[in-house]
Amino acid sequence: MGIKERFGFKSTETTAETSSAEVLPNAEGAERELRRFRRQHQWDPFLDVDKLDNIDDALASGDAEKEIAIDESLIQEDSPYPEVRSSVPPTDSDVPVNTIRAWTIGMLLCTIVAACNVLLSLRRTPISISSTVVQLIAYPIGCSWAKLMPHHTFHVFGHAIELNPGPFNTKEHTMITMMTAAGSALSYAIDILLAQEIFYKQQFK
């Protein structure tokens, strides 16, 4: 056993065999991804036919480099739908999302909207506050928090929590909207309580 094998040293020489061995798994993975994508989106009415034709041409040609290029441009790097590409960036920014501002505004709006939806559902013509309204309300509240709250940091269980982590960002806005949309939905148990009080004369006092 040589010194390289005994101590785990690897050779730094690049040969045609190693380069081809590295390209082969990538080509196989790209071909597998393209075939799966083609099978899943075979009857997709929202996907351009040209993209599916490009996938068919790449798979029929057997060109590994062409398959890898189409796989990266169509599947890996960005969304195949133009509507998603125009509204969602392919990169992920490092802005804070798990902030006390997002949790406070989210829980506050979730509680208020849930209570309002319960009360408004008892009307003869029920009204509900949708998540779109919450999204419009949460933005000025978050921007006001960023302008008015002091930049103070306190520690809880060894974790540093910033009272004002900076400008109100998109991730916080999305988190608040998701919290309110998930927590403000009405429950069928409310109808049971109403039926008990009206039809069974069970007063909850």
N, C-alpha and C. Protein backbone atom coordinates (compact mmCIF):
# COMPACT_ATOMS: atom_id res chain seq x y z
N MET A 1 0.85 -1.19 0.00
CA MET A 1 0.00 0.00 0.00
C MET A 1 0.89 1.24 0.00
N GLY A 2 0.63 2.15 -0.92
CA GLY A 2 1.45 3.34 -1.03
C GLY A 2 1.06 4.40 -0.01
N ILE A 3 1.83 5.50 -0.02
CA ILE A 3 1.56 6.59 0.93
C ILE A 3 0.23 7.25 0.61
N LYS A 4 -0.10 7.40 -0.65
CA LYS A 4 -1.36 8.05 -1.02
C LYS A 4 -2.56 7.26 -0.53
N GLU A 5 -2.49 5.92 -0.71
CA GLU A 5 -3.62 5.10 -0.27
C GLU A 5 -3.71 5.03 1.24
N ARG A 6 -2.54 5.01 1.94
CA ARG A 6 -2.55 4.86 3.39
C ARG A 6 -3.10 6.10 4.08
N PHE A 7 -2.73 7.27 3.63
CA PHE A 7 -3.15 8.51 4.28
C PHE A 7 -4.35 9.15 3.59
N GLY A 8 -4.89 8.52 2.60
CA GLY A 8 -6.11 9.04 1.98
C GLY A 8 -5.87 10.20 1.05
N PHE A 9 -4.63 10.39 0.56
CA PHE A 9 -4.37 11.47 -0.38
C PHE A 9 -4.97 11.12 -1.74
N LYS A 10 -5.49 12.14 -2.40
CA LYS A 10 -6.08 11.96 -3.71
C LYS A 10 -5.24 12.67 -4.75
N SER A 11 -5.18 12.09 -5.90
CA SER A 11 -4.41 12.67 -6.98
C SER A 11 -5.12 13.88 -7.54
N THR A 12 -4.37 14.90 -7.88
CA THR A 12 -4.94 16.13 -8.43
C THR A 12 -4.87 16.16 -9.94
N GLU A 13 -4.43 15.07 -10.57
CA GLU A 13 -4.34 15.04 -12.01
C GLU A 13 -5.74 14.88 -12.60
N THR A 14 -5.99 15.65 -13.63
CA THR A 14 -7.28 15.59 -14.32
C THR A 14 -7.08 14.85 -15.63
N THR A 15 -7.81 13.80 -15.80
CA THR A 15 -7.71 13.00 -17.02
C THR A 15 -9.04 13.01 -17.73
N ALA A 16 -9.03 12.45 -18.91
CA ALA A 16 -10.27 12.40 -19.69
C ALA A 16 -11.28 11.47 -19.04
N GLU A 17 -10.76 10.41 -18.33
CA GLU A 17 -11.68 9.48 -17.70
C GLU A 17 -12.42 10.14 -16.55
N THR A 18 -11.71 10.93 -15.72
CA THR A 18 -12.38 11.57 -14.58
C THR A 18 -13.36 12.63 -15.04
N SER A 19 -12.99 13.39 -16.06
CA SER A 19 -13.91 14.42 -16.53
C SER A 19 -15.16 13.81 -17.14
N SER A 20 -14.99 12.73 -17.88
CA SER A 20 -16.17 12.08 -18.45
C SER A 20 -17.01 11.41 -17.38
N ALA A 21 -16.35 10.92 -16.31
CA ALA A 21 -17.11 10.31 -15.21
C ALA A 21 -17.91 11.35 -14.45
N GLU A 22 -17.42 12.59 -14.41
CA GLU A 22 -18.17 13.64 -13.74
C GLU A 22 -19.33 14.13 -14.59
N VAL A 23 -19.16 14.15 -15.89
CA VAL A 23 -20.22 14.63 -16.77
C VAL A 23 -21.34 13.61 -16.88
N LEU A 24 -21.00 12.30 -16.80
CA LEU A 24 -21.99 11.26 -17.00
C LEU A 24 -23.13 11.30 -15.99
N PRO A 25 -22.84 11.40 -14.66
CA PRO A 25 -23.97 11.48 -13.73
C PRO A 25 -24.83 12.71 -13.94
N ASN A 26 -24.19 13.85 -14.29
CA ASN A 26 -24.97 15.06 -14.55
C ASN A 26 -25.89 14.87 -15.76
N ALA A 27 -25.37 14.22 -16.79
CA ALA A 27 -26.17 13.98 -17.98
C ALA A 27 -27.32 13.03 -17.69
N GLU A 28 -27.04 11.98 -16.91
CA GLU A 28 -28.11 11.05 -16.56
C GLU A 28 -29.18 11.72 -15.69
N GLY A 29 -28.73 12.56 -14.75
CA GLY A 29 -29.69 13.27 -13.92
C GLY A 29 -30.51 14.26 -14.72
N ALA A 30 -29.86 14.95 -15.67
CA ALA A 30 -30.60 15.91 -16.50
C ALA A 30 -31.62 15.19 -17.39
N GLU A 31 -31.22 14.05 -17.96
CA GLU A 31 -32.16 13.30 -18.80
C GLU A 31 -33.34 12.78 -17.98
N ARG A 32 -33.06 12.32 -16.77
CA ARG A 32 -34.14 11.83 -15.91
C ARG A 32 -35.09 12.95 -15.52
N GLU A 33 -34.53 14.13 -15.20
CA GLU A 33 -35.37 15.28 -14.85
C GLU A 33 -36.23 15.73 -16.03
N LEU A 34 -35.63 15.75 -17.21
CA LEU A 34 -36.38 16.18 -18.39
C LEU A 34 -37.51 15.21 -18.72
N ARG A 35 -37.24 13.91 -18.61
CA ARG A 35 -38.29 12.93 -18.89
C ARG A 35 -39.43 13.03 -17.87
N ARG A 36 -39.07 13.22 -16.61
CA ARG A 36 -40.10 13.36 -15.59
C ARG A 36 -40.90 14.65 -15.78
N PHE A 37 -40.19 15.73 -16.13
CA PHE A 37 -40.88 17.00 -16.39
C PHE A 37 -41.81 16.87 -17.59
N ARG A 38 -41.35 16.18 -18.62
CA ARG A 38 -42.18 16.00 -19.82
C ARG A 38 -43.42 15.17 -19.52
N ARG A 39 -43.27 14.18 -18.66
CA ARG A 39 -44.41 13.32 -18.32
C ARG A 39 -45.41 14.06 -17.43
N GLN A 40 -44.91 14.86 -16.50
CA GLN A 40 -45.81 15.57 -15.59
C GLN A 40 -46.57 16.69 -16.28
N HIS A 41 -45.94 17.35 -17.24
CA HIS A 41 -46.54 18.51 -17.90
C HIS A 41 -47.03 18.18 -19.31
N GLN A 42 -47.35 16.93 -19.53
CA GLN A 42 -47.79 16.53 -20.86
C GLN A 42 -49.09 17.20 -21.27
N TRP A 43 -50.01 17.35 -20.31
CA TRP A 43 -51.30 17.97 -20.60
C TRP A 43 -51.46 19.29 -19.85
N ASP A 44 -50.37 19.97 -19.61
CA ASP A 44 -50.41 21.24 -18.89
C ASP A 44 -50.84 22.35 -19.84
N PRO A 45 -52.00 22.96 -19.64
CA PRO A 45 -52.44 24.01 -20.58
C PRO A 45 -51.73 25.34 -20.38
N PHE A 46 -51.02 25.50 -19.26
CA PHE A 46 -50.38 26.77 -18.96
C PHE A 46 -48.91 26.81 -19.39
N LEU A 47 -48.39 25.71 -19.88
CA LEU A 47 -46.99 25.66 -20.29
C LEU A 47 -46.89 25.80 -21.80
N ASP A 48 -45.90 26.59 -22.23
CA ASP A 48 -45.71 26.81 -23.66
C ASP A 48 -45.35 25.50 -24.36
N VAL A 49 -45.92 25.31 -25.54
CA VAL A 49 -45.63 24.11 -26.32
C VAL A 49 -44.19 24.11 -26.80
N ASP A 50 -43.61 25.29 -27.01
CA ASP A 50 -42.23 25.37 -27.48
C ASP A 50 -41.26 24.76 -26.47
N LYS A 51 -41.54 24.94 -25.19
CA LYS A 51 -40.66 24.35 -24.17
C LYS A 51 -40.71 22.83 -24.22
N LEU A 52 -41.89 22.28 -24.40
CA LEU A 52 -42.00 20.82 -24.51
C LEU A 52 -41.34 20.32 -25.78
N ASP A 53 -41.43 21.09 -26.86
CA ASP A 53 -40.76 20.69 -28.10
C ASP A 53 -39.24 20.71 -27.93
N ASN A 54 -38.72 21.69 -27.22
CA ASN A 54 -37.28 21.74 -26.97
C ASN A 54 -36.82 20.54 -26.15
N ILE A 55 -37.64 20.14 -25.18
CA ILE A 55 -37.30 18.96 -24.38
C ILE A 55 -37.31 17.71 -25.25
N ASP A 56 -38.30 17.58 -26.12
CA ASP A 56 -38.37 16.41 -27.01
C ASP A 56 -37.17 16.37 -27.96
N ASP A 57 -36.77 17.53 -28.48
CA ASP A 57 -35.62 17.57 -29.38
C ASP A 57 -34.34 17.18 -28.65
N ALA A 58 -34.18 17.66 -27.41
CA ALA A 58 -32.97 17.33 -26.65
C ALA A 58 -32.92 15.85 -26.30
N LEU A 59 -34.06 15.28 -25.92
CA LEU A 59 -34.09 13.85 -25.59
C LEU A 59 -33.89 12.99 -26.83
N ALA A 60 -34.42 13.42 -27.96
CA ALA A 60 -34.27 12.64 -29.19
C ALA A 60 -32.85 12.70 -29.73
N SER A 61 -32.17 13.83 -29.55
CA SER A 61 -30.81 13.97 -30.06
C SER A 61 -29.80 13.18 -29.24
N GLY A 62 -30.07 13.00 -27.95
CA GLY A 62 -29.12 12.30 -27.09
C GLY A 62 -27.90 13.12 -26.75
N ASP A 63 -27.93 14.42 -27.00
CA ASP A 63 -26.80 15.30 -26.68
C ASP A 63 -26.83 15.62 -25.19
N ALA A 64 -25.80 15.18 -24.47
CA ALA A 64 -25.78 15.36 -23.01
C ALA A 64 -25.67 16.83 -22.64
N GLU A 65 -24.84 17.58 -23.36
CA GLU A 65 -24.67 19.00 -23.04
C GLU A 65 -25.96 19.78 -23.28
N LYS A 66 -26.67 19.44 -24.33
CA LYS A 66 -27.93 20.12 -24.62
C LYS A 66 -28.98 19.79 -23.56
N GLU A 67 -29.01 18.55 -23.10
CA GLU A 67 -29.95 18.16 -22.05
C GLU A 67 -29.66 18.88 -20.75
N ILE A 68 -28.36 18.99 -20.41
CA ILE A 68 -27.99 19.69 -19.17
C ILE A 68 -28.35 21.17 -19.26
N ALA A 69 -28.11 21.79 -20.43
CA ALA A 69 -28.42 23.21 -20.60
C ALA A 69 -29.92 23.47 -20.48
N ILE A 70 -30.73 22.63 -21.10
CA ILE A 70 -32.19 22.82 -21.02
C ILE A 70 -32.69 22.55 -19.61
N ASP A 71 -32.11 21.55 -18.95
CA ASP A 71 -32.52 21.24 -17.58
C ASP A 71 -32.22 22.40 -16.64
N GLU A 72 -31.06 23.02 -16.80
CA GLU A 72 -30.70 24.14 -15.92
C GLU A 72 -31.54 25.37 -16.21
N SER A 73 -31.77 25.67 -17.48
CA SER A 73 -32.51 26.89 -17.82
C SER A 73 -34.01 26.76 -17.60
N LEU A 74 -34.55 25.56 -17.75
CA LEU A 74 -36.00 25.38 -17.70
C LEU A 74 -36.50 24.91 -16.34
N ILE A 75 -35.71 24.09 -15.65
CA ILE A 75 -36.18 23.48 -14.41
C ILE A 75 -35.42 23.96 -13.19
N GLN A 76 -34.10 23.95 -13.26
CA GLN A 76 -33.30 24.19 -12.07
C GLN A 76 -33.21 25.67 -11.70
N GLU A 77 -32.92 26.53 -12.68
CA GLU A 77 -32.62 27.92 -12.38
C GLU A 77 -33.86 28.79 -12.21
N ASP A 78 -34.94 28.49 -12.89
CA ASP A 78 -36.11 29.36 -12.85
C ASP A 78 -37.36 28.54 -13.13
N SER A 79 -38.51 29.17 -12.96
CA SER A 79 -39.78 28.49 -13.19
C SER A 79 -40.07 28.42 -14.68
N PRO A 80 -40.70 27.35 -15.13
CA PRO A 80 -41.04 27.27 -16.56
C PRO A 80 -42.22 28.14 -16.95
N TYR A 81 -42.92 28.70 -15.99
CA TYR A 81 -44.08 29.54 -16.28
C TYR A 81 -43.67 31.01 -16.32
N PRO A 82 -44.02 31.74 -17.36
CA PRO A 82 -43.63 33.15 -17.45
C PRO A 82 -44.27 34.02 -16.39
N GLU A 83 -45.48 33.67 -15.93
CA GLU A 83 -46.13 34.47 -14.89
C GLU A 83 -45.35 34.40 -13.58
N VAL A 84 -44.80 33.23 -13.28
CA VAL A 84 -44.01 33.08 -12.05
C VAL A 84 -42.67 33.79 -12.20
N ARG A 85 -42.04 33.68 -13.35
CA ARG A 85 -40.75 34.35 -13.57
C ARG A 85 -40.87 35.86 -13.48
N SER A 86 -42.02 36.41 -13.89
CA SER A 86 -42.18 37.86 -13.87
C SER A 86 -42.46 38.40 -12.48
N SER A 87 -42.92 37.56 -11.56
CA SER A 87 -43.29 38.04 -10.23
C SER A 87 -42.40 37.52 -9.11
N VAL A 88 -41.72 36.39 -9.31
CA VAL A 88 -40.90 35.79 -8.26
C VAL A 88 -39.46 35.70 -8.75
N PRO A 89 -38.50 36.29 -8.05
CA PRO A 89 -37.11 36.21 -8.49
C PRO A 89 -36.55 34.81 -8.24
N PRO A 90 -35.59 34.37 -9.04
CA PRO A 90 -35.00 33.03 -8.84
C PRO A 90 -34.02 32.97 -7.68
N THR A 91 -33.65 34.10 -7.13
CA THR A 91 -32.70 34.13 -6.02
C THR A 91 -33.44 34.37 -4.71
N ASP A 92 -32.82 33.96 -3.63
CA ASP A 92 -33.41 34.10 -2.29
C ASP A 92 -32.57 35.12 -1.51
N SER A 93 -33.19 36.22 -1.14
CA SER A 93 -32.48 37.25 -0.38
C SER A 93 -32.37 36.84 1.08
N ASP A 94 -31.41 37.45 1.77
CA ASP A 94 -31.14 37.10 3.17
C ASP A 94 -31.82 38.07 4.14
N VAL A 95 -32.95 38.63 3.77
CA VAL A 95 -33.67 39.53 4.67
C VAL A 95 -34.30 38.72 5.80
N PRO A 96 -34.43 39.29 6.99
CA PRO A 96 -35.00 38.53 8.11
C PRO A 96 -36.49 38.28 7.93
N VAL A 97 -36.93 37.12 8.37
CA VAL A 97 -38.36 36.78 8.27
C VAL A 97 -38.92 36.35 9.62
N ASN A 98 -38.13 35.65 10.42
CA ASN A 98 -38.60 35.19 11.74
C ASN A 98 -38.33 36.29 12.76
N THR A 99 -39.08 37.38 12.65
CA THR A 99 -38.86 38.55 13.49
C THR A 99 -40.04 38.74 14.44
N ILE A 100 -39.77 39.47 15.52
CA ILE A 100 -40.84 39.77 16.48
C ILE A 100 -41.88 40.68 15.85
N ARG A 101 -41.48 41.47 14.87
CA ARG A 101 -42.44 42.33 14.18
C ARG A 101 -43.45 41.50 13.39
N ALA A 102 -42.97 40.51 12.66
CA ALA A 102 -43.88 39.68 11.87
C ALA A 102 -44.80 38.86 12.77
N TRP A 103 -44.26 38.31 13.85
CA TRP A 103 -45.09 37.50 14.75
C TRP A 103 -46.13 38.36 15.47
N THR A 104 -45.74 39.54 15.91
CA THR A 104 -46.68 40.40 16.63
C THR A 104 -47.81 40.87 15.73
N ILE A 105 -47.45 41.40 14.56
CA ILE A 105 -48.48 41.88 13.64
C ILE A 105 -49.34 40.73 13.15
N GLY A 106 -48.72 39.59 12.87
CA GLY A 106 -49.48 38.44 12.39
C GLY A 106 -50.48 37.92 13.40
N MET A 107 -50.04 37.76 14.65
CA MET A 107 -50.96 37.26 15.68
C MET A 107 -52.06 38.27 16.00
N LEU A 108 -51.70 39.56 15.99
CA LEU A 108 -52.70 40.60 16.26
C LEU A 108 -53.77 40.63 15.17
N LEU A 109 -53.34 40.65 13.92
CA LEU A 109 -54.32 40.68 12.83
C LEU A 109 -55.10 39.37 12.75
N CYS A 110 -54.46 38.26 13.05
CA CYS A 110 -55.16 36.98 13.02
C CYS A 110 -56.27 36.94 14.06
N THR A 111 -55.99 37.45 15.25
CA THR A 111 -57.01 37.47 16.31
C THR A 111 -58.16 38.39 15.96
N ILE A 112 -57.84 39.58 15.48
CA ILE A 112 -58.89 40.56 15.15
C ILE A 112 -59.74 40.08 13.98
N VAL A 113 -59.09 39.61 12.93
CA VAL A 113 -59.84 39.18 11.74
C VAL A 113 -60.68 37.94 12.05
N ALA A 114 -60.14 37.01 12.85
CA ALA A 114 -60.92 35.81 13.20
C ALA A 114 -62.16 36.18 14.00
N ALA A 115 -62.02 37.10 14.97
CA ALA A 115 -63.18 37.53 15.76
C ALA A 115 -64.20 38.26 14.89
N CYS A 116 -63.73 39.11 14.00
CA CYS A 116 -64.66 39.82 13.11
C CYS A 116 -65.38 38.87 12.16
N ASN A 117 -64.67 37.87 11.65
CA ASN A 117 -65.32 36.91 10.75
C ASN A 117 -66.38 36.09 11.46
N VAL A 118 -66.12 35.74 12.73
CA VAL A 118 -67.13 34.99 13.49
C VAL A 118 -68.38 35.84 13.71
N LEU A 119 -68.19 37.09 14.10
CA LEU A 119 -69.34 37.96 14.34
C LEU A 119 -70.09 38.28 13.05
N LEU A 120 -69.35 38.52 11.99
CA LEU A 120 -70.00 38.86 10.72
C LEU A 120 -70.69 37.65 10.08
N SER A 121 -70.26 36.45 10.43
CA SER A 121 -70.90 35.25 9.87
C SER A 121 -72.28 35.01 10.45
N LEU A 122 -72.62 35.66 11.57
CA LEU A 122 -73.93 35.48 12.20
C LEU A 122 -75.01 36.34 11.56
N ARG A 123 -74.63 37.23 10.66
CA ARG A 123 -75.61 38.07 9.99
C ARG A 123 -76.43 37.25 9.00
N ARG A 124 -77.57 37.82 8.59
CA ARG A 124 -78.41 37.15 7.60
C ARG A 124 -77.66 37.05 6.27
N THR A 125 -76.93 38.11 5.92
CA THR A 125 -76.04 38.08 4.75
C THR A 125 -74.61 38.13 5.28
N PRO A 126 -73.96 36.99 5.45
CA PRO A 126 -72.63 36.97 6.09
C PRO A 126 -71.58 37.69 5.26
N ILE A 127 -70.65 38.30 5.97
CA ILE A 127 -69.52 39.00 5.36
C ILE A 127 -68.25 38.44 5.98
N SER A 128 -67.22 38.31 5.18
CA SER A 128 -65.93 37.81 5.68
C SER A 128 -64.81 38.72 5.20
N ILE A 129 -63.79 38.83 6.03
CA ILE A 129 -62.59 39.61 5.69
C ILE A 129 -61.57 38.65 5.10
N SER A 130 -61.21 38.85 3.87
CA SER A 130 -60.32 37.93 3.18
C SER A 130 -58.86 38.26 3.48
N SER A 131 -57.98 37.37 3.05
CA SER A 131 -56.55 37.58 3.25
C SER A 131 -56.01 38.73 2.41
N THR A 132 -56.70 39.08 1.33
CA THR A 132 -56.27 40.22 0.52
C THR A 132 -56.41 41.52 1.31
N VAL A 133 -57.48 41.65 2.06
CA VAL A 133 -57.66 42.83 2.91
C VAL A 133 -56.58 42.88 3.98
N VAL A 134 -56.28 41.74 4.56
CA VAL A 134 -55.21 41.67 5.57
C VAL A 134 -53.87 42.06 4.96
N GLN A 135 -53.63 41.64 3.75
CA GLN A 135 -52.38 41.98 3.08
C GLN A 135 -52.25 43.49 2.87
N LEU A 136 -53.36 44.14 2.55
CA LEU A 136 -53.34 45.59 2.38
C LEU A 136 -53.17 46.32 3.71
N ILE A 137 -53.75 45.77 4.77
CA ILE A 137 -53.66 46.42 6.07
C ILE A 137 -52.29 46.22 6.70
N ALA A 138 -51.69 45.04 6.48
CA ALA A 138 -50.43 44.71 7.14
C ALA A 138 -49.26 45.56 6.64
N TYR A 139 -49.31 46.00 5.40
CA TYR A 139 -48.17 46.75 4.86
C TYR A 139 -47.96 48.09 5.56
N PRO A 140 -48.96 48.96 5.70
CA PRO A 140 -48.70 50.22 6.43
C PRO A 140 -48.37 50.00 7.90
N ILE A 141 -48.91 48.93 8.50
CA ILE A 141 -48.56 48.66 9.90
C ILE A 141 -47.09 48.28 10.01
N GLY A 142 -46.63 47.43 9.11
CA GLY A 142 -45.22 47.04 9.13
C GLY A 142 -44.28 48.19 8.84
N CYS A 143 -44.64 49.04 7.88
CA CYS A 143 -43.80 50.22 7.59
C CYS A 143 -43.80 51.19 8.75
N SER A 144 -44.92 51.35 9.43
CA SER A 144 -44.96 52.23 10.61
C SER A 144 -44.10 51.67 11.74
N TRP A 145 -44.13 50.35 11.91
CA TRP A 145 -43.26 49.72 12.91
C TRP A 145 -41.80 50.01 12.61
N ALA A 146 -41.41 49.90 11.34
CA ALA A 146 -40.01 50.12 10.97
C ALA A 146 -39.58 51.57 11.20
N LYS A 147 -40.52 52.51 11.12
CA LYS A 147 -40.16 53.92 11.29
C LYS A 147 -40.24 54.38 12.74
N LEU A 148 -41.15 53.82 13.52
CA LEU A 148 -41.41 54.35 14.86
C LEU A 148 -40.72 53.57 15.97
N MET A 149 -40.54 52.28 15.81
CA MET A 149 -39.96 51.48 16.88
C MET A 149 -38.46 51.72 17.00
N PRO A 150 -37.93 51.74 18.22
CA PRO A 150 -36.48 51.95 18.40
C PRO A 150 -35.69 50.70 18.03
N HIS A 151 -34.43 50.91 17.72
CA HIS A 151 -33.53 49.81 17.39
C HIS A 151 -32.94 49.27 18.69
N HIS A 152 -33.65 48.32 19.27
CA HIS A 152 -33.24 47.76 20.56
C HIS A 152 -33.15 46.24 20.43
N THR A 153 -32.15 45.66 21.05
CA THR A 153 -31.94 44.22 21.02
C THR A 153 -32.01 43.66 22.43
N PHE A 154 -32.82 42.64 22.63
CA PHE A 154 -32.89 41.97 23.92
C PHE A 154 -32.73 40.47 23.71
N HIS A 155 -32.34 39.78 24.76
CA HIS A 155 -32.00 38.36 24.67
C HIS A 155 -33.04 37.52 25.42
N VAL A 156 -33.48 36.44 24.78
CA VAL A 156 -34.42 35.49 25.37
C VAL A 156 -33.88 34.09 25.15
N PHE A 157 -33.57 33.39 26.25
CA PHE A 157 -33.00 32.04 26.20
C PHE A 157 -31.74 31.99 25.33
N GLY A 158 -30.94 33.02 25.43
CA GLY A 158 -29.69 33.06 24.70
C GLY A 158 -29.79 33.49 23.26
N HIS A 159 -30.98 33.84 22.79
CA HIS A 159 -31.17 34.28 21.41
C HIS A 159 -31.39 35.79 21.38
N ALA A 160 -30.67 36.45 20.49
CA ALA A 160 -30.81 37.90 20.34
C ALA A 160 -32.02 38.21 19.46
N ILE A 161 -32.91 39.04 19.97
CA ILE A 161 -34.12 39.43 19.25
C ILE A 161 -34.10 40.94 19.07
N GLU A 162 -34.20 41.38 17.83
CA GLU A 162 -34.20 42.80 17.51
C GLU A 162 -35.63 43.31 17.45
N LEU A 163 -35.88 44.40 18.17
CA LEU A 163 -37.21 44.99 18.16
C LEU A 163 -37.54 45.61 16.81
N ASN A 164 -36.54 46.18 16.17
CA ASN A 164 -36.72 46.78 14.85
C ASN A 164 -35.61 46.26 13.95
N PRO A 165 -35.85 45.16 13.21
CA PRO A 165 -34.79 44.57 12.40
C PRO A 165 -34.48 45.30 11.10
N GLY A 166 -35.12 46.43 10.86
CA GLY A 166 -34.85 47.18 9.64
C GLY A 166 -36.11 47.42 8.84
N PRO A 167 -35.97 47.69 7.55
CA PRO A 167 -37.15 47.95 6.72
C PRO A 167 -38.07 46.74 6.66
N PHE A 168 -39.35 47.01 6.54
CA PHE A 168 -40.35 45.96 6.41
C PHE A 168 -40.20 45.30 5.05
N ASN A 169 -39.97 43.98 5.03
CA ASN A 169 -39.64 43.30 3.78
C ASN A 169 -40.77 42.39 3.31
N THR A 170 -40.56 41.83 2.14
CA THR A 170 -41.59 41.01 1.50
C THR A 170 -41.84 39.71 2.25
N LYS A 171 -40.79 39.13 2.80
CA LYS A 171 -40.97 37.85 3.50
C LYS A 171 -41.82 38.02 4.75
N GLU A 172 -41.59 39.09 5.49
CA GLU A 172 -42.43 39.35 6.66
C GLU A 172 -43.88 39.58 6.25
N HIS A 173 -44.06 40.32 5.17
CA HIS A 173 -45.41 40.60 4.67
C HIS A 173 -46.12 39.31 4.28
N THR A 174 -45.40 38.42 3.62
CA THR A 174 -45.98 37.14 3.22
C THR A 174 -46.31 36.28 4.43
N MET A 175 -45.42 36.27 5.41
CA MET A 175 -45.66 35.47 6.62
C MET A 175 -46.90 35.95 7.38
N ILE A 176 -47.07 37.26 7.49
CA ILE A 176 -48.24 37.82 8.17
C ILE A 176 -49.52 37.43 7.43
N THR A 177 -49.50 37.53 6.11
CA THR A 177 -50.68 37.17 5.32
C THR A 177 -51.01 35.70 5.46
N MET A 178 -50.00 34.84 5.45
CA MET A 178 -50.24 33.40 5.59
C MET A 178 -50.77 33.06 6.97
N MET A 179 -50.24 33.71 8.01
CA MET A 179 -50.73 33.45 9.36
C MET A 179 -52.21 33.81 9.48
N THR A 180 -52.57 34.96 8.96
CA THR A 180 -53.96 35.40 9.07
C THR A 180 -54.89 34.56 8.20
N ALA A 181 -54.44 34.19 7.01
CA ALA A 181 -55.28 33.38 6.13
C ALA A 181 -55.52 31.99 6.71
N ALA A 182 -54.52 31.44 7.40
CA ALA A 182 -54.67 30.10 7.97
C ALA A 182 -55.44 30.11 9.28
N GLY A 183 -55.32 31.18 10.07
CA GLY A 183 -55.92 31.19 11.39
C GLY A 183 -57.26 31.87 11.50
N SER A 184 -57.70 32.55 10.46
CA SER A 184 -58.97 33.29 10.54
C SER A 184 -60.13 32.58 9.87
N ALA A 185 -59.92 31.33 9.45
CA ALA A 185 -61.01 30.59 8.82
C ALA A 185 -62.04 30.17 9.86
N LEU A 186 -63.29 30.15 9.44
CA LEU A 186 -64.37 29.78 10.36
C LEU A 186 -64.39 28.27 10.59
N SER A 187 -64.89 27.89 11.75
CA SER A 187 -64.99 26.48 12.12
C SER A 187 -66.45 26.07 12.17
N TYR A 188 -66.70 24.82 11.78
CA TYR A 188 -68.07 24.31 11.83
C TYR A 188 -68.57 24.14 13.27
N ALA A 189 -67.65 24.10 14.22
CA ALA A 189 -68.07 23.97 15.62
C ALA A 189 -68.88 25.17 16.09
N ILE A 190 -68.69 26.32 15.46
CA ILE A 190 -69.48 27.50 15.84
C ILE A 190 -70.95 27.28 15.54
N ASP A 191 -71.27 26.61 14.43
CA ASP A 191 -72.67 26.31 14.12
C ASP A 191 -73.27 25.36 15.15
N ILE A 192 -72.46 24.46 15.69
CA ILE A 192 -72.97 23.55 16.72
C ILE A 192 -73.34 24.32 17.98
N LEU A 193 -72.49 25.27 18.36
CA LEU A 193 -72.80 26.08 19.54
C LEU A 193 -74.07 26.90 19.34
N LEU A 194 -74.24 27.44 18.15
CA LEU A 194 -75.46 28.20 17.88
C LEU A 194 -76.70 27.31 17.90
N ALA A 195 -76.58 26.11 17.34
CA ALA A 195 -77.73 25.19 17.35
C ALA A 195 -78.09 24.76 18.76
N GLN A 196 -77.08 24.56 19.61
CA GLN A 196 -77.37 24.19 21.00
C GLN A 196 -78.12 25.29 21.73
N GLU A 197 -77.78 26.53 21.45
CA GLU A 197 -78.43 27.63 22.16
C GLU A 197 -79.81 27.93 21.61
N ILE A 198 -80.01 27.81 20.30
CA ILE A 198 -81.29 28.19 19.71
C ILE A 198 -82.30 27.05 19.77
N PHE A 199 -81.90 25.85 19.39
CA PHE A 199 -82.85 24.75 19.26
C PHE A 199 -82.92 23.87 20.51
N TYR A 200 -81.83 23.80 21.27
CA TYR A 200 -81.82 22.93 22.46
C TYR A 200 -81.87 23.72 23.77
N LYS A 201 -81.96 25.04 23.66
CA LYS A 201 -82.10 25.92 24.82
C LYS A 201 -80.99 25.71 25.85
N GLN A 202 -79.80 25.45 25.37
CA GLN A 202 -78.65 25.31 26.26
C GLN A 202 -77.91 26.64 26.29
N GLN A 203 -78.10 27.38 27.35
CA GLN A 203 -77.51 28.70 27.47
C GLN A 203 -76.10 28.58 28.07
N PHE A 204 -75.14 29.17 27.41
CA PHE A 204 -73.75 29.15 27.87
C PHE A 204 -73.47 30.47 28.58
N LYS A 205 -73.69 30.47 29.88
CA LYS A 205 -73.47 31.67 30.67
C LYS A 205 -72.62 31.33 31.88
